[in-house]
């Protein structure tokens, strides 16, 4: 059965924290980086409105998933040194074990283990094993993890870009397929590989009987805790979303042809959006953008989108 739904969501700790903690989280994410003048427009009243829009974005994607009645959700995210260590970081990795876990607390914003809990997510081993095998047949050098043993952060497990959307959007009885796309460890996988990867995902998953959804987590523009923390490239985000709305994901592969500080950090995770966009476009779908927020307090341009074939 062809893929029945595509989803994409930006990632920032702010999106998953109570509104009362946004100022504190922002201070941790931006560190000592001077902020753009536009950040001053995010008054308490503006942030209250942003909270409403964020929750509406979550609700819209949850509704699409509920309507699709999926048997599995393939989540594309980019590890930030929690699952993989500097010794070895695969460009594309599929986890094929029974379950994966991660801690909800985030040390980057000053949280300790006492502030969170361990979340365990069930995985669809049949779909993940098929995906790993068939992508290899399609010519992709896929790394396979059969047992979850995080090397970068043994006490914390999988990154929040995987666990946050999984526990917020995906029904508890729907297993996931974790797929890691290297966006942060140089040399990162080329952006030009993302459209072919997405097209291959659509082909090989189309041979399964299960109803499968794809979910891209990460991005859009931003650099949390980095050199440009707090700066959001609204022009870049608008271009990315316009390409996805028009069914032209392949045009986005050139973003990283020029290596620059502005295309690192969260911006590098746009790779996941390209792969999902290309997969859904091969099924005749174009992106529906629920909302976009130039969200300095989140330190990333924040968008919610879905594709329905």
C-alpha atoms as a PDB file:
ATOM      1  CA  UNK A   1       0.000   0.000   0.000  1.00  0.00           C
ATOM      2  CA  UNK A   2       1.401   3.438  -0.830  1.00  0.00           C
ATOM      3  CA  UNK A   3       2.377   5.799   1.956  1.00  0.00           C
ATOM      4  CA  UNK A   4      -0.854   7.288   3.275  1.00  0.00           C
ATOM      5  CA  UNK A   5       0.429  10.505   4.880  1.00  0.00           C
ATOM      6  CA  UNK A   6       3.438  12.775   5.131  1.00  0.00           C
ATOM      7  CA  UNK A   7       4.118  15.108   8.052  1.00  0.00           C
ATOM      8  CA  UNK A   8       6.830  17.629   8.909  1.00  0.00           C
ATOM      9  CA  UNK A   9       7.397  19.577  12.094  1.00  0.00           C
ATOM     10  CA  UNK A  10      10.143  21.876  13.334  1.00  0.00           C
ATOM     11  CA  UNK A  11      11.945  21.012  16.536  1.00  0.00           C
ATOM     12  CA  UNK A  12      12.944  23.125  19.510  1.00  0.00           C
ATOM     13  CA  UNK A  13      12.731  22.454  23.264  1.00  0.00           C
ATOM     14  CA  UNK A  14      10.524  25.540  23.482  1.00  0.00           C
ATOM     15  CA  UNK A  15       7.726  23.854  21.553  1.00  0.00           C
ATOM     16  CA  UNK A  16       7.521  21.111  24.171  1.00  0.00           C
ATOM     17  CA  UNK A  17       7.808  23.270  27.285  1.00  0.00           C
ATOM     18  CA  UNK A  18       5.109  25.118  29.213  1.00  0.00           C
ATOM     19  CA  UNK A  19       4.600  28.731  28.188  1.00  0.00           C
ATOM     20  CA  UNK A  20       5.816  29.844  31.640  1.00  0.00           C
ATOM     21  CA  UNK A  21       9.270  28.441  30.814  1.00  0.00           C
ATOM     22  CA  UNK A  22       9.750  30.019  27.389  1.00  0.00           C
ATOM     23  CA  UNK A  23      11.816  32.994  28.579  1.00  0.00           C
ATOM     24  CA  UNK A  24      14.142  30.732  30.567  1.00  0.00           C
ATOM     25  CA  UNK A  25      14.472  28.273  27.673  1.00  0.00           C
ATOM     26  CA  UNK A  26      15.189  31.089  25.219  1.00  0.00           C
ATOM     27  CA  UNK A  27      17.979  32.412  27.442  1.00  0.00           C
ATOM     28  CA  UNK A  28      19.581  28.964  27.518  1.00  0.00           C
ATOM     29  CA  UNK A  29      19.257  28.438  23.761  1.00  0.00           C
ATOM     30  CA  UNK A  30      20.570  31.840  22.673  1.00  0.00           C
ATOM     31  CA  UNK A  31      23.390  31.960  25.238  1.00  0.00           C
ATOM     32  CA  UNK A  32      25.409  35.185  24.827  1.00  0.00           C
ATOM     33  CA  UNK A  33      24.630  35.751  21.149  1.00  0.00           C
ATOM     34  CA  UNK A  34      23.375  39.326  20.442  1.00  0.00           C
ATOM     35  CA  UNK A  35      19.797  39.063  19.231  1.00  0.00           C
ATOM     36  CA  UNK A  36      18.247  40.611  16.109  1.00  0.00           C
ATOM     37  CA  UNK A  37      16.035  43.633  16.611  1.00  0.00           C
ATOM     38  CA  UNK A  38      13.040  41.632  15.406  1.00  0.00           C
ATOM     39  CA  UNK A  39      13.310  39.413  18.502  1.00  0.00           C
ATOM     40  CA  UNK A  40      12.114  42.392  20.563  1.00  0.00           C
ATOM     41  CA  UNK A  41       8.714  42.153  18.865  1.00  0.00           C
ATOM     42  CA  UNK A  42       8.054  38.913  20.747  1.00  0.00           C
ATOM     43  CA  UNK A  43       6.208  40.533  23.624  1.00  0.00           C
ATOM     44  CA  UNK A  44       4.337  38.448  26.217  1.00  0.00           C
ATOM     45  CA  UNK A  45       1.154  39.013  24.239  1.00  0.00           C
ATOM     46  CA  UNK A  46       2.838  37.861  21.037  1.00  0.00           C
ATOM     47  CA  UNK A  47       4.196  34.764  22.753  1.00  0.00           C
ATOM     48  CA  UNK A  48       0.749  33.946  24.128  1.00  0.00           C
ATOM     49  CA  UNK A  49      -0.488  33.962  20.541  1.00  0.00           C
ATOM     50  CA  UNK A  50       2.451  31.810  19.476  1.00  0.00           C
ATOM     51  CA  UNK A  51       1.519  29.275  22.128  1.00  0.00           C
ATOM     52  CA  UNK A  52      -1.988  29.069  20.708  1.00  0.00           C
ATOM     53  CA  UNK A  53      -0.614  28.614  17.191  1.00  0.00           C
ATOM     54  CA  UNK A  54       1.860  25.933  18.278  1.00  0.00           C
ATOM     55  CA  UNK A  55      -0.871  23.931  19.978  1.00  0.00           C
ATOM     56  CA  UNK A  56      -3.104  24.351  16.914  1.00  0.00           C
ATOM     57  CA  UNK A  57      -0.272  23.076  14.732  1.00  0.00           C
ATOM     58  CA  UNK A  58       0.189  20.007  16.918  1.00  0.00           C
ATOM     59  CA  UNK A  59      -3.559  19.382  16.863  1.00  0.00           C
ATOM     60  CA  UNK A  60      -3.751  19.626  13.073  1.00  0.00           C
ATOM     61  CA  UNK A  61      -1.007  17.028  12.592  1.00  0.00           C
ATOM     62  CA  UNK A  62      -2.502  14.735  15.243  1.00  0.00           C
ATOM     63  CA  UNK A  63      -5.845  14.928  13.461  1.00  0.00           C
ATOM     64  CA  UNK A  64      -4.266  13.997  10.120  1.00  0.00           C
ATOM     65  CA  UNK A  65      -2.568  10.986  11.730  1.00  0.00           C
ATOM     66  CA  UNK A  66      -5.800   9.866  13.383  1.00  0.00           C
ATOM     67  CA  UNK A  67      -7.663  10.110  10.084  1.00  0.00           C
ATOM     68  CA  UNK A  68      -4.954   8.148   8.231  1.00  0.00           C
ATOM     69  CA  UNK A  69      -5.256   5.134  10.580  1.00  0.00           C
ATOM     70  CA  UNK A  70      -1.595   4.258  10.155  1.00  0.00           C
ATOM     71  CA  UNK A  71       0.049   0.983  11.148  1.00  0.00           C
ATOM     72  CA  UNK A  72       3.507   2.557  11.465  1.00  0.00           C
ATOM     73  CA  UNK A  73       5.177   5.968  11.336  1.00  0.00           C
ATOM     74  CA  UNK A  74       8.668   6.335   9.878  1.00  0.00           C
ATOM     75  CA  UNK A  75      10.335   9.250  11.702  1.00  0.00           C
ATOM     76  CA  UNK A  76      13.261  10.979   9.984  1.00  0.00           C
ATOM     77  CA  UNK A  77      15.411  12.901  12.462  1.00  0.00           C
ATOM     78  CA  UNK A  78      19.054  13.935  12.822  1.00  0.00           C
ATOM     79  CA  UNK A  79      21.119  12.766  15.767  1.00  0.00           C
ATOM     80  CA  UNK A  80      23.115  15.381  17.701  1.00  0.00           C
ATOM     81  CA  UNK A  81      25.643  13.071  19.285  1.00  0.00           C
ATOM     82  CA  UNK A  82      23.326  11.067  21.535  1.00  0.00           C
ATOM     83  CA  UNK A  83      22.829   7.840  19.603  1.00  0.00           C
ATOM     84  CA  UNK A  84      26.127   7.969  17.687  1.00  0.00           C
ATOM     85  CA  UNK A  85      29.569   8.972  18.926  1.00  0.00           C
ATOM     86  CA  UNK A  86      32.261  10.961  17.082  1.00  0.00           C
ATOM     87  CA  UNK A  87      33.964   7.639  16.383  1.00  0.00           C
ATOM     88  CA  UNK A  88      31.305   6.600  13.882  1.00  0.00           C
ATOM     89  CA  UNK A  89      28.320   8.514  12.533  1.00  0.00           C
ATOM     90  CA  UNK A  90      26.442   6.842   9.656  1.00  0.00           C
ATOM     91  CA  UNK A  91      25.009   9.038   6.924  1.00  0.00           C
ATOM     92  CA  UNK A  92      21.737   7.069   6.862  1.00  0.00           C
ATOM     93  CA  UNK A  93      20.713   4.708   9.637  1.00  0.00           C
ATOM     94  CA  UNK A  94      17.598   2.583  10.176  1.00  0.00           C
ATOM     95  CA  UNK A  95      16.884   1.142  13.596  1.00  0.00           C
ATOM     96  CA  UNK A  96      15.335  -2.329  13.349  1.00  0.00           C
ATOM     97  CA  UNK A  97      14.980  -3.297  17.033  1.00  0.00           C
ATOM     98  CA  UNK A  98      11.771  -3.839  19.005  1.00  0.00           C
ATOM     99  CA  UNK A  99      11.864  -0.576  20.944  1.00  0.00           C
ATOM    100  CA  UNK A 100      13.867   2.603  21.421  1.00  0.00           C
ATOM    101  CA  UNK A 101      14.045   4.909  24.419  1.00  0.00           C
ATOM    102  CA  UNK A 102      15.039   8.434  25.339  1.00  0.00           C
ATOM    103  CA  UNK A 103      15.050  10.705  28.386  1.00  0.00           C
ATOM    104  CA  UNK A 104      12.677  13.674  28.265  1.00  0.00           C
ATOM    105  CA  UNK A 105      14.897  16.048  30.271  1.00  0.00           C
ATOM    106  CA  UNK A 106      17.168  18.312  28.223  1.00  0.00           C
ATOM    107  CA  UNK A 107      20.568  19.203  29.723  1.00  0.00           C
ATOM    108  CA  UNK A 108      20.966  21.922  27.078  1.00  0.00           C
ATOM    109  CA  UNK A 109      18.335  24.014  28.858  1.00  0.00           C
ATOM    110  CA  UNK A 110      19.495  23.210  32.377  1.00  0.00           C
ATOM    111  CA  UNK A 111      17.235  20.229  33.089  1.00  0.00           C
ATOM    112  CA  UNK A 112      18.426  17.264  35.153  1.00  0.00           C
ATOM    113  CA  UNK A 113      17.211  13.637  35.160  1.00  0.00           C
ATOM    114  CA  UNK A 114      14.921  14.556  38.047  1.00  0.00           C
ATOM    115  CA  UNK A 115      13.069  16.938  35.699  1.00  0.00           C
ATOM    116  CA  UNK A 116      12.090  14.249  33.207  1.00  0.00           C
ATOM    117  CA  UNK A 117      11.391  10.619  32.652  1.00  0.00           C
ATOM    118  CA  UNK A 118      12.405   7.787  30.375  1.00  0.00           C
ATOM    119  CA  UNK A 119      10.134   7.313  27.363  1.00  0.00           C
ATOM    120  CA  UNK A 120      10.106   3.952  25.585  1.00  0.00           C
ATOM    121  CA  UNK A 121       8.683   3.755  22.064  1.00  0.00           C
ATOM    122  CA  UNK A 122       7.617   0.540  20.345  1.00  0.00           C
ATOM    123  CA  UNK A 123       9.103  -0.003  16.878  1.00  0.00           C
ATOM    124  CA  UNK A 124       7.693  -1.814  13.842  1.00  0.00           C
ATOM    125  CA  UNK A 125      10.433  -4.348  13.172  1.00  0.00           C
ATOM    126  CA  UNK A 126       8.903  -5.789   9.985  1.00  0.00           C
ATOM    127  CA  UNK A 127       8.663  -2.410   8.276  1.00  0.00           C
ATOM    128  CA  UNK A 128      12.070  -1.257   9.511  1.00  0.00           C
ATOM    129  CA  UNK A 129      13.844  -4.453   8.382  1.00  0.00           C
ATOM    130  CA  UNK A 130      12.149  -4.238   4.989  1.00  0.00           C
ATOM    131  CA  UNK A 131      13.089  -0.586   4.671  1.00  0.00           C
ATOM    132  CA  UNK A 132      16.741  -1.225   5.500  1.00  0.00           C
ATOM    133  CA  UNK A 133      17.008  -4.137   3.063  1.00  0.00           C
ATOM    134  CA  UNK A 134      15.197  -2.467   0.200  1.00  0.00           C
ATOM    135  CA  UNK A 135      16.970   0.883   0.504  1.00  0.00           C
ATOM    136  CA  UNK A 136      20.231  -1.030   0.267  1.00  0.00           C
ATOM    137  CA  UNK A 137      18.920  -2.689  -2.906  1.00  0.00           C
ATOM    138  CA  UNK A 138      18.099   0.800  -4.168  1.00  0.00           C
ATOM    139  CA  UNK A 139      21.779   1.761  -3.862  1.00  0.00           C
ATOM    140  CA  UNK A 140      21.822   3.572  -0.512  1.00  0.00           C
ATOM    141  CA  UNK A 141      24.550   2.704   1.987  1.00  0.00           C
ATOM    142  CA  UNK A 142      22.307   2.110   4.982  1.00  0.00           C
ATOM    143  CA  UNK A 143      23.623   1.442   8.459  1.00  0.00           C
ATOM    144  CA  UNK A 144      21.460  -0.899  10.545  1.00  0.00           C
ATOM    145  CA  UNK A 145      21.083  -0.908  14.335  1.00  0.00           C
ATOM    146  CA  UNK A 146      19.571  -4.150  15.638  1.00  0.00           C
ATOM    147  CA  UNK A 147      20.005  -3.308  19.330  1.00  0.00           C
ATOM    148  CA  UNK A 148      19.663   0.129  20.878  1.00  0.00           C
ATOM    149  CA  UNK A 149      22.888   1.027  22.620  1.00  0.00           C
ATOM    150  CA  UNK A 150      23.380   4.794  22.530  1.00  0.00           C
ATOM    151  CA  UNK A 151      27.066   5.610  22.328  1.00  0.00           C
ATOM    152  CA  UNK A 152      27.021   9.401  22.474  1.00  0.00           C
ATOM    153  CA  UNK A 153      24.779   9.762  25.538  1.00  0.00           C
ATOM    154  CA  UNK A 154      24.397   6.318  27.150  1.00  0.00           C
ATOM    155  CA  UNK A 155      22.272   7.700  30.006  1.00  0.00           C
ATOM    156  CA  UNK A 156      19.952   9.797  27.846  1.00  0.00           C
ATOM    157  CA  UNK A 157      19.160   7.615  24.815  1.00  0.00           C
ATOM    158  CA  UNK A 158      17.616   8.878  21.596  1.00  0.00           C
ATOM    159  CA  UNK A 159      17.442  12.592  20.877  1.00  0.00           C
ATOM    160  CA  UNK A 160      14.428  14.792  21.489  1.00  0.00           C
ATOM    161  CA  UNK A 161      13.900  15.375  17.765  1.00  0.00           C
ATOM    162  CA  UNK A 162      12.781  11.729  17.685  1.00  0.00           C
ATOM    163  CA  UNK A 163      11.060  11.275  21.023  1.00  0.00           C
ATOM    164  CA  UNK A 164       9.268  14.650  21.302  1.00  0.00           C
ATOM    165  CA  UNK A 165       7.128  14.388  18.140  1.00  0.00           C
ATOM    166  CA  UNK A 166       6.647  10.648  18.652  1.00  0.00           C
ATOM    167  CA  UNK A 167       5.081  11.072  22.086  1.00  0.00           C
ATOM    168  CA  UNK A 168       3.201  14.251  21.138  1.00  0.00           C
ATOM    169  CA  UNK A 169       1.756  13.290  17.763  1.00  0.00           C
ATOM    170  CA  UNK A 170       1.828   9.518  17.302  1.00  0.00           C
ATOM    171  CA  UNK A 171      -0.907   7.435  18.998  1.00  0.00           C
ATOM    172  CA  UNK A 172       0.491   5.221  21.741  1.00  0.00           C
ATOM    173  CA  UNK A 173      -0.584   2.036  19.940  1.00  0.00           C
ATOM    174  CA  UNK A 174       1.168   2.930  16.663  1.00  0.00           C
ATOM    175  CA  UNK A 175       4.800   1.735  16.428  1.00  0.00           C
ATOM    176  CA  UNK A 176       7.491   3.857  14.836  1.00  0.00           C
ATOM    177  CA  UNK A 177      10.459   3.260  12.542  1.00  0.00           C
ATOM    178  CA  UNK A 178      13.414   5.481  13.581  1.00  0.00           C
ATOM    179  CA  UNK A 179      15.500   6.671  10.648  1.00  0.00           C
ATOM    180  CA  UNK A 180      18.504   8.910  11.275  1.00  0.00           C
ATOM    181  CA  UNK A 181      19.815  11.278   8.597  1.00  0.00           C
ATOM    182  CA  UNK A 182      23.242  12.743   9.349  1.00  0.00           C
ATOM    183  CA  UNK A 183      22.913  16.522   9.204  1.00  0.00           C
ATOM    184  CA  UNK A 184      25.309  17.591  11.957  1.00  0.00           C
ATOM    185  CA  UNK A 185      28.494  15.547  11.807  1.00  0.00           C
ATOM    186  CA  UNK A 186      30.692  16.749   8.961  1.00  0.00           C
ATOM    187  CA  UNK A 187      30.781  15.644   6.243  1.00  0.00           C
ATOM    188  CA  UNK A 188      26.984  15.442   6.333  1.00  0.00           C
ATOM    189  CA  UNK A 189      25.011  13.601   3.691  1.00  0.00           C
ATOM    190  CA  UNK A 190      24.524  15.733   0.582  1.00  0.00           C
ATOM    191  CA  UNK A 191      21.258  17.575   0.167  1.00  0.00           C
ATOM    192  CA  UNK A 192      21.146  16.259  -3.386  1.00  0.00           C
ATOM    193  CA  UNK A 193      20.765  12.729  -1.994  1.00  0.00           C
ATOM    194  CA  UNK A 194      17.546  13.615  -0.210  1.00  0.00           C
ATOM    195  CA  UNK A 195      15.132  13.698  -3.197  1.00  0.00           C
ATOM    196  CA  UNK A 196      16.293  10.262  -4.462  1.00  0.00           C
ATOM    197  CA  UNK A 197      16.067   8.942  -0.901  1.00  0.00           C
ATOM    198  CA  UNK A 198      12.506  10.187  -0.569  1.00  0.00           C
ATOM    199  CA  UNK A 199      11.514   8.693  -3.912  1.00  0.00           C
ATOM    200  CA  UNK A 200      13.049   5.370  -2.880  1.00  0.00           C
ATOM    201  CA  UNK A 201      11.124   5.467   0.406  1.00  0.00           C
ATOM    202  CA  UNK A 202       7.889   5.836  -1.520  1.00  0.00           C
ATOM    203  CA  UNK A 203       8.741   2.965  -3.863  1.00  0.00           C
ATOM    204  CA  UNK A 204       9.799   0.404  -1.280  1.00  0.00           C
ATOM    205  CA  UNK A 205       7.132   1.224   1.298  1.00  0.00           C
ATOM    206  CA  UNK A 206       4.544   1.097  -1.456  1.00  0.00           C
ATOM    207  CA  UNK A 207       5.114  -2.644  -1.639  1.00  0.00           C
ATOM    208  CA  UNK A 208       4.057  -3.201   1.962  1.00  0.00           C
ATOM    209  CA  UNK A 209       0.544  -4.018   3.158  1.00  0.00           C
ATOM    210  CA  UNK A 210       0.818  -1.696   6.157  1.00  0.00           C
ATOM    211  CA  UNK A 211      -0.497   1.846   6.097  1.00  0.00           C
ATOM    212  CA  UNK A 212       2.637   3.911   6.681  1.00  0.00           C
ATOM    213  CA  UNK A 213       3.157   7.610   7.394  1.00  0.00           C
ATOM    214  CA  UNK A 214       6.403   9.570   7.062  1.00  0.00           C
ATOM    215  CA  UNK A 215       7.300  12.253   9.602  1.00  0.00           C
ATOM    216  CA  UNK A 216      10.188  14.715   9.190  1.00  0.00           C
ATOM    217  CA  UNK A 217      11.423  16.255  12.434  1.00  0.00           C
ATOM    218  CA  UNK A 218      13.834  19.203  12.677  1.00  0.00           C
ATOM    219  CA  UNK A 219      14.508  22.576  11.106  1.00  0.00           C
ATOM    220  CA  UNK A 220      13.642  25.025   9.750  1.00  0.00           C
ATOM    221  CA  UNK A 221      16.286  27.783   9.846  1.00  0.00           C
ATOM    222  CA  UNK A 222      18.113  28.423  13.106  1.00  0.00           C
ATOM    223  CA  UNK A 223      21.134  27.560  15.208  1.00  0.00           C
ATOM    224  CA  UNK A 224      20.138  26.776  18.814  1.00  0.00           C
ATOM    225  CA  UNK A 225      23.098  27.341  21.171  1.00  0.00           C
ATOM    226  CA  UNK A 226      25.310  27.971  18.154  1.00  0.00           C
ATOM    227  CA  UNK A 227      27.074  30.893  16.505  1.00  0.00           C
ATOM    228  CA  UNK A 228      23.783  32.329  15.209  1.00  0.00           C
ATOM    229  CA  UNK A 229      21.513  31.266  18.061  1.00  0.00           C
ATOM    230  CA  UNK A 230      18.253  33.196  18.040  1.00  0.00           C
ATOM    231  CA  UNK A 231      18.526  34.310  14.431  1.00  0.00           C
ATOM    232  CA  UNK A 232      15.853  33.023  12.046  1.00  0.00           C
ATOM    233  CA  UNK A 233      16.201  33.278   8.270  1.00  0.00           C
ATOM    234  CA  UNK A 234      12.601  33.978   7.317  1.00  0.00           C
ATOM    235  CA  UNK A 235      13.497  34.367   3.626  1.00  0.00           C
ATOM    236  CA  UNK A 236      15.103  30.930   3.509  1.00  0.00           C
ATOM    237  CA  UNK A 237      12.148  29.375   5.321  1.00  0.00           C
ATOM    238  CA  UNK A 238       9.691  31.027   2.934  1.00  0.00           C
ATOM    239  CA  UNK A 239      11.599  29.645  -0.044  1.00  0.00           C
ATOM    240  CA  UNK A 240      11.726  26.138   1.429  1.00  0.00           C
ATOM    241  CA  UNK A 241       8.008  26.112   2.173  1.00  0.00           C
ATOM    242  CA  UNK A 242       7.146  27.568  -1.239  1.00  0.00           C
ATOM    243  CA  UNK A 243       9.056  24.764  -2.980  1.00  0.00           C
ATOM    244  CA  UNK A 244       7.258  22.139  -0.911  1.00  0.00           C
ATOM    245  CA  UNK A 245       3.872  23.751  -1.517  1.00  0.00           C
ATOM    246  CA  UNK A 246       4.531  23.655  -5.264  1.00  0.00           C
ATOM    247  CA  UNK A 247       5.843  20.102  -5.326  1.00  0.00           C
ATOM    248  CA  UNK A 248       9.450  21.062  -6.063  1.00  0.00           C
ATOM    249  CA  UNK A 249      11.411  19.451  -3.240  1.00  0.00           C
ATOM    250  CA  UNK A 250      14.246  18.550  -5.615  1.00  0.00           C
ATOM    251  CA  UNK A 251      15.126  22.254  -5.935  1.00  0.00           C
ATOM    252  CA  UNK A 252      16.074  22.348  -2.241  1.00  0.00           C
ATOM    253  CA  UNK A 253      19.006  19.955  -2.507  1.00  0.00           C
ATOM    254  CA  UNK A 254      21.391  22.791  -3.353  1.00  0.00           C
ATOM    255  CA  UNK A 255      21.033  24.541   0.036  1.00  0.00           C
ATOM    256  CA  UNK A 256      24.303  23.078   1.320  1.00  0.00           C
ATOM    257  CA  UNK A 257      26.325  23.422  -1.881  1.00  0.00           C
ATOM    258  CA  UNK A 258      27.873  26.470  -0.189  1.00  0.00           C
ATOM    259  CA  UNK A 259      29.152  25.649   3.281  1.00  0.00           C
ATOM    260  CA  UNK A 260      28.232  28.488   5.626  1.00  0.00           C
ATOM    261  CA  UNK A 261      27.360  29.031   9.271  1.00  0.00           C
ATOM    262  CA  UNK A 262      23.867  29.976   8.114  1.00  0.00           C
ATOM    263  CA  UNK A 263      23.114  26.466   6.806  1.00  0.00           C
ATOM    264  CA  UNK A 264      24.307  24.552   9.860  1.00  0.00           C
ATOM    265  CA  UNK A 265      22.486  23.954  13.127  1.00  0.00           C
ATOM    266  CA  UNK A 266      18.762  23.410  12.769  1.00  0.00           C
ATOM    267  CA  UNK A 267      18.924  24.582   9.150  1.00  0.00           C
ATOM    268  CA  UNK A 268      20.849  21.413   8.308  1.00  0.00           C
ATOM    269  CA  UNK A 269      17.818  19.365   9.354  1.00  0.00           C
ATOM    270  CA  UNK A 270      15.795  20.663   6.404  1.00  0.00           C
ATOM    271  CA  UNK A 271      17.227  17.537   4.762  1.00  0.00           C
ATOM    272  CA  UNK A 272      14.463  15.559   6.496  1.00  0.00           C
ATOM    273  CA  UNK A 273      11.766  17.800   5.019  1.00  0.00           C
ATOM    274  CA  UNK A 274      13.233  17.358   1.534  1.00  0.00           C
ATOM    275  CA  UNK A 275      13.163  13.559   1.784  1.00  0.00           C
ATOM    276  CA  UNK A 276       9.553  13.468   2.974  1.00  0.00           C
ATOM    277  CA  UNK A 277       8.531  16.092   0.405  1.00  0.00           C
ATOM    278  CA  UNK A 278      10.113  14.127  -2.435  1.00  0.00           C
ATOM    279  CA  UNK A 279       8.456  10.900  -1.267  1.00  0.00           C
ATOM    280  CA  UNK A 280       5.032  12.488  -1.169  1.00  0.00           C
ATOM    281  CA  UNK A 281       5.503  14.311  -4.468  1.00  0.00           C
ATOM    282  CA  UNK A 282       6.203  10.982  -6.147  1.00  0.00           C
ATOM    283  CA  UNK A 283       2.692  10.023  -4.986  1.00  0.00           C
ATOM    284  CA  UNK A 284       1.172  13.200  -6.415  1.00  0.00           C
ATOM    285  CA  UNK A 285       0.963  15.240  -3.191  1.00  0.00           C
ATOM    286  CA  UNK A 286       2.062  18.772  -2.408  1.00  0.00           C
ATOM    287  CA  UNK A 287       2.635  20.216   1.045  1.00  0.00           C
ATOM    288  CA  UNK A 288      -0.135  21.848   3.031  1.00  0.00           C
ATOM    289  CA  UNK A 289       1.538  24.293   5.416  1.00  0.00           C
ATOM    290  CA  UNK A 290      -0.600  24.621   8.531  1.00  0.00           C
ATOM    291  CA  UNK A 291       1.404  27.515   9.954  1.00  0.00           C
ATOM    292  CA  UNK A 292       4.801  29.197  10.010  1.00  0.00           C
ATOM    293  CA  UNK A 293       6.162  31.269  12.903  1.00  0.00           C
ATOM    294  CA  UNK A 294       9.344  33.375  12.818  1.00  0.00           C
ATOM    295  CA  UNK A 295       9.983  32.139  16.324  1.00  0.00           C
ATOM    296  CA  UNK A 296      13.066  33.732  17.879  1.00  0.00           C
ATOM    297  CA  UNK A 297      12.232  32.390  21.351  1.00  0.00           C
ATOM    298  CA  UNK A 298      12.386  28.882  19.885  1.00  0.00           C
ATOM    299  CA  UNK A 299      15.593  29.832  17.994  1.00  0.00           C
ATOM    300  CA  UNK A 300      14.199  28.096  14.888  1.00  0.00           C
ATOM    301  CA  UNK A 301      11.771  29.036  12.176  1.00  0.00           C
ATOM    302  CA  UNK A 302       8.786  26.924  13.189  1.00  0.00           C
ATOM    303  CA  UNK A 303       6.407  25.263  10.746  1.00  0.00           C
ATOM    304  CA  UNK A 304       3.828  22.493  10.649  1.00  0.00           C
ATOM    305  CA  UNK A 305       3.052  20.784   7.339  1.00  0.00           C
ATOM    306  CA  UNK A 306       1.410  17.673   5.916  1.00  0.00           C
ATOM    307  CA  UNK A 307       0.979  15.868   2.596  1.00  0.00           C
ATOM    308  CA  UNK A 308      -2.046  13.754   1.671  1.00  0.00           C
ATOM    309  CA  UNK A 309      -1.620  11.586  -1.444  1.00  0.00           C
END
